[in-house]
Amino acid sequence: MRAVLPKMITRADAIYNLQRSALLQAALAEKRFELINEALRDRLHQPFRAPLAAGIADVLKLNDETDKHPGLLGVAISGAGSTMIAFVLENGAAIADEMQARFAAAGVTSRALEVTVDNLGRQLNPITT
């Protein structure tokens, strides 16, 4: 999926994405969850990758419908795709069902996994003998 990315990007698009990257870190650190939806907006990869897999564009539309899905903060393509990520505060199962329904409507079978945030990061544990 990397082959679809443009070879060159505009300065404006680079700045846009850098701003959102910083915003996401700040929103998570400060628990300003209302900012996450904007932080997940993208100009560098999602517009190019979304058309490659059926259903992704429809799932991304959830970003404009968070008022209809309580607890949903935003969705994004995770990495190079075709994995999607949803940030939720509550109603994770209902939001996962909605995402899966959108994929199913596009003829795609999907699987949802609920995971929690790792607040500790990588850890090194000493070997004891």
C-alpha atoms as a PDB file:
ATOM      1  CA  MET A   1       0.000   0.000   0.000  1.00  0.00           C
ATOM      2  CA  ARG A   2       3.019   2.306   0.164  1.00  0.00           C
ATOM      3  CA  ALA A   3       3.246   2.449  -3.629  1.00  0.00           C
ATOM      4  CA  VAL A   4       0.119   4.631  -3.821  1.00  0.00           C
ATOM      5  CA  LEU A   5       1.660   7.420  -1.769  1.00  0.00           C
ATOM      6  CA  PRO A   6       2.790  10.499  -3.690  1.00  0.00           C
ATOM      7  CA  LYS A   7       6.524  10.919  -4.233  1.00  0.00           C
ATOM      8  CA  MET A   8       6.281  14.605  -3.307  1.00  0.00           C
ATOM      9  CA  ILE A   9       4.024  16.389  -0.841  1.00  0.00           C
ATOM     10  CA  THR A  10       3.262  20.044  -0.366  1.00  0.00           C
ATOM     11  CA  ARG A  11       4.672  22.001   2.524  1.00  0.00           C
ATOM     12  CA  ALA A  12       1.114  22.788   3.591  1.00  0.00           C
ATOM     13  CA  ASP A  13       0.209  19.094   3.788  1.00  0.00           C
ATOM     14  CA  ALA A  14       3.399  18.274   5.694  1.00  0.00           C
ATOM     15  CA  ILE A  15       2.680  21.055   8.191  1.00  0.00           C
ATOM     16  CA  TYR A  16      -0.949  19.929   8.484  1.00  0.00           C
ATOM     17  CA  ASN A  17       0.106  16.406   9.435  1.00  0.00           C
ATOM     18  CA  LEU A  18       2.885  17.531  11.775  1.00  0.00           C
ATOM     19  CA  GLN A  19       0.407  19.763  13.591  1.00  0.00           C
ATOM     20  CA  ARG A  20      -2.004  16.874  14.018  1.00  0.00           C
ATOM     21  CA  SER A  21       0.737  14.559  15.223  1.00  0.00           C
ATOM     22  CA  ALA A  22       1.679  17.049  17.931  1.00  0.00           C
ATOM     23  CA  LEU A  23      -1.991  17.643  18.714  1.00  0.00           C
ATOM     24  CA  LEU A  24      -2.599  13.918  19.218  1.00  0.00           C
ATOM     25  CA  GLN A  25       0.277  13.654  21.696  1.00  0.00           C
ATOM     26  CA  ALA A  26      -0.905  16.724  23.604  1.00  0.00           C
ATOM     27  CA  ALA A  27      -4.546  15.610  23.590  1.00  0.00           C
ATOM     28  CA  LEU A  28      -3.625  12.231  25.042  1.00  0.00           C
ATOM     29  CA  ALA A  29      -1.185  13.647  27.597  1.00  0.00           C
ATOM     30  CA  GLU A  30      -3.611  16.325  28.785  1.00  0.00           C
ATOM     31  CA  LYS A  31      -6.723  14.120  28.493  1.00  0.00           C
ATOM     32  CA  ARG A  32      -8.246  16.632  26.071  1.00  0.00           C
ATOM     33  CA  PHE A  33     -10.161  13.910  24.289  1.00  0.00           C
ATOM     34  CA  GLU A  34     -12.324  16.372  22.369  1.00  0.00           C
ATOM     35  CA  LEU A  35      -9.216  17.158  20.274  1.00  0.00           C
ATOM     36  CA  ILE A  36      -8.548  13.593  19.145  1.00  0.00           C
ATOM     37  CA  ASN A  37     -10.950  13.662  16.212  1.00  0.00           C
ATOM     38  CA  GLU A  38      -9.109  16.600  14.669  1.00  0.00           C
ATOM     39  CA  ALA A  39      -5.752  15.039  15.525  1.00  0.00           C
ATOM     40  CA  LEU A  40      -6.642  11.938  13.488  1.00  0.00           C
ATOM     41  CA  ARG A  41      -7.236  13.955  10.310  1.00  0.00           C
ATOM     42  CA  ASP A  42      -4.641  13.278   7.649  1.00  0.00           C
ATOM     43  CA  ARG A  43      -3.509  14.473   4.236  1.00  0.00           C
ATOM     44  CA  LEU A  44      -0.455  12.289   3.633  1.00  0.00           C
ATOM     45  CA  HIS A  45      -1.684   8.714   3.538  1.00  0.00           C
ATOM     46  CA  GLN A  46      -5.368   8.164   4.296  1.00  0.00           C
ATOM     47  CA  PRO A  47      -6.709   9.896   1.169  1.00  0.00           C
ATOM     48  CA  PHE A  48      -4.510   7.654  -0.985  1.00  0.00           C
ATOM     49  CA  ARG A  49      -4.953   4.382   0.893  1.00  0.00           C
ATOM     50  CA  ALA A  50      -8.673   4.563   1.675  1.00  0.00           C
ATOM     51  CA  PRO A  51      -9.792   3.827  -1.905  1.00  0.00           C
ATOM     52  CA  LEU A  52      -7.620   0.696  -2.068  1.00  0.00           C
ATOM     53  CA  ALA A  53      -9.681  -1.421   0.312  1.00  0.00           C
ATOM     54  CA  ALA A  54     -13.456  -1.595   0.228  1.00  0.00           C
ATOM     55  CA  GLY A  55     -15.160  -0.073   3.239  1.00  0.00           C
ATOM     56  CA  ILE A  56     -12.293   2.024   4.568  1.00  0.00           C
ATOM     57  CA  ALA A  57     -13.645   5.318   3.202  1.00  0.00           C
ATOM     58  CA  ASP A  58     -17.040   4.553   4.747  1.00  0.00           C
ATOM     59  CA  VAL A  59     -15.469   3.807   8.127  1.00  0.00           C
ATOM     60  CA  LEU A  60     -13.455   7.039   7.954  1.00  0.00           C
ATOM     61  CA  LYS A  61     -16.742   8.931   7.540  1.00  0.00           C
ATOM     62  CA  LEU A  62     -17.409   8.116  11.198  1.00  0.00           C
ATOM     63  CA  ASN A  63     -15.084  11.036  11.989  1.00  0.00           C
ATOM     64  CA  ASP A  64     -17.838  13.344  10.766  1.00  0.00           C
ATOM     65  CA  GLU A  65     -20.548  11.428  12.651  1.00  0.00           C
ATOM     66  CA  THR A  66     -19.214  11.240  16.208  1.00  0.00           C
ATOM     67  CA  ASP A  67     -22.360  12.959  17.475  1.00  0.00           C
ATOM     68  CA  LYS A  68     -24.330   9.869  16.372  1.00  0.00           C
ATOM     69  CA  HIS A  69     -21.971   7.425  18.119  1.00  0.00           C
ATOM     70  CA  PRO A  70     -21.554   8.271  21.824  1.00  0.00           C
ATOM     71  CA  GLY A  71     -18.064   7.565  23.069  1.00  0.00           C
ATOM     72  CA  LEU A  72     -16.398   7.666  19.644  1.00  0.00           C
ATOM     73  CA  LEU A  73     -13.505  10.111  19.505  1.00  0.00           C
ATOM     74  CA  GLY A  74     -12.294   9.268  16.008  1.00  0.00           C
ATOM     75  CA  VAL A  75     -11.063   6.630  13.587  1.00  0.00           C
ATOM     76  CA  ALA A  76      -8.015   6.305  11.343  1.00  0.00           C
ATOM     77  CA  ILE A  77      -6.164   3.903   9.116  1.00  0.00           C
ATOM     78  CA  SER A  78      -3.535   2.284  11.309  1.00  0.00           C
ATOM     79  CA  GLY A  79      -0.137   2.118   9.655  1.00  0.00           C
ATOM     80  CA  ALA A  80      -0.109   1.167   5.989  1.00  0.00           C
ATOM     81  CA  GLY A  81      -3.592  -0.374   6.277  1.00  0.00           C
ATOM     82  CA  SER A  82      -5.814  -2.221   6.038  1.00  0.00           C
ATOM     83  CA  THR A  83      -6.091  -2.145   9.823  1.00  0.00           C
ATOM     84  CA  MET A  84      -8.274   0.598  11.275  1.00  0.00           C
ATOM     85  CA  ILE A  85      -8.143   2.087  14.755  1.00  0.00           C
ATOM     86  CA  ALA A  86     -10.942   3.728  16.703  1.00  0.00           C
ATOM     87  CA  PHE A  87     -10.395   5.836  19.800  1.00  0.00           C
ATOM     88  CA  VAL A  88     -13.361   5.397  22.135  1.00  0.00           C
ATOM     89  CA  LEU A  89     -14.250   6.369  25.681  1.00  0.00           C
ATOM     90  CA  GLU A  90     -17.307   4.111  25.932  1.00  0.00           C
ATOM     91  CA  ASN A  91     -19.616   1.959  23.824  1.00  0.00           C
ATOM     92  CA  GLY A  92     -16.663   0.251  22.179  1.00  0.00           C
ATOM     93  CA  ALA A  93     -18.688  -2.812  21.201  1.00  0.00           C
ATOM     94  CA  ALA A  94     -21.391  -0.724  19.504  1.00  0.00           C
ATOM     95  CA  ILE A  95     -18.788   1.330  17.649  1.00  0.00           C
ATOM     96  CA  ALA A  96     -16.962  -1.830  16.560  1.00  0.00           C
ATOM     97  CA  ASP A  97     -20.302  -3.212  15.339  1.00  0.00           C
ATOM     98  CA  GLU A  98     -20.865  -0.053  13.284  1.00  0.00           C
ATOM     99  CA  MET A  99     -17.404  -0.277  11.759  1.00  0.00           C
ATOM    100  CA  GLN A 100     -17.929  -3.943  10.920  1.00  0.00           C
ATOM    101  CA  ALA A 101     -21.355  -3.190   9.436  1.00  0.00           C
ATOM    102  CA  ARG A 102     -19.774  -0.633   7.113  1.00  0.00           C
ATOM    103  CA  PHE A 103     -17.164  -3.139   6.019  1.00  0.00           C
ATOM    104  CA  ALA A 104     -19.846  -5.808   5.547  1.00  0.00           C
ATOM    105  CA  ALA A 105     -21.889  -3.420   3.385  1.00  0.00           C
ATOM    106  CA  ALA A 106     -18.800  -3.158   1.163  1.00  0.00           C
ATOM    107  CA  GLY A 107     -18.493  -6.953   1.031  1.00  0.00           C
ATOM    108  CA  VAL A 108     -15.576  -7.146   3.456  1.00  0.00           C
ATOM    109  CA  THR A 109     -15.378  -9.548   6.370  1.00  0.00           C
ATOM    110  CA  SER A 110     -13.692  -7.901   9.340  1.00  0.00           C
ATOM    111  CA  ARG A 111     -12.733  -8.632  12.905  1.00  0.00           C
ATOM    112  CA  ALA A 112     -12.765  -6.212  15.831  1.00  0.00           C
ATOM    113  CA  LEU A 113     -10.376  -6.336  18.759  1.00  0.00           C
ATOM    114  CA  GLU A 114     -10.771  -4.214  21.876  1.00  0.00           C
ATOM    115  CA  VAL A 115      -7.459  -3.218  23.401  1.00  0.00           C
ATOM    116  CA  THR A 116      -6.479  -0.795  26.128  1.00  0.00           C
ATOM    117  CA  VAL A 117      -3.840   1.899  26.142  1.00  0.00           C
ATOM    118  CA  ASP A 118      -0.429   0.902  27.473  1.00  0.00           C
ATOM    119  CA  ASN A 119       0.555   3.761  29.761  1.00  0.00           C
ATOM    120  CA  LEU A 120       3.911   2.253  30.714  1.00  0.00           C
ATOM    121  CA  GLY A 121       5.546   1.723  27.329  1.00  0.00           C
ATOM    122  CA  ARG A 122       8.456  -0.612  26.734  1.00  0.00           C
ATOM    123  CA  GLN A 123       9.966  -1.988  29.907  1.00  0.00           C
ATOM    124  CA  LEU A 124      13.162  -3.876  30.581  1.00  0.00           C
ATOM    125  CA  ASN A 125      12.952  -6.467  33.296  1.00  0.00           C
ATOM    126  CA  PRO A 126      16.175  -7.646  34.892  1.00  0.00           C
ATOM    127  CA  ILE A 127      17.018 -11.306  34.553  1.00  0.00           C
ATOM    128  CA  THR A 128      17.229 -12.979  37.901  1.00  0.00           C
ATOM    129  CA  THR A 129      19.182 -16.162  38.405  1.00  0.00           C
END
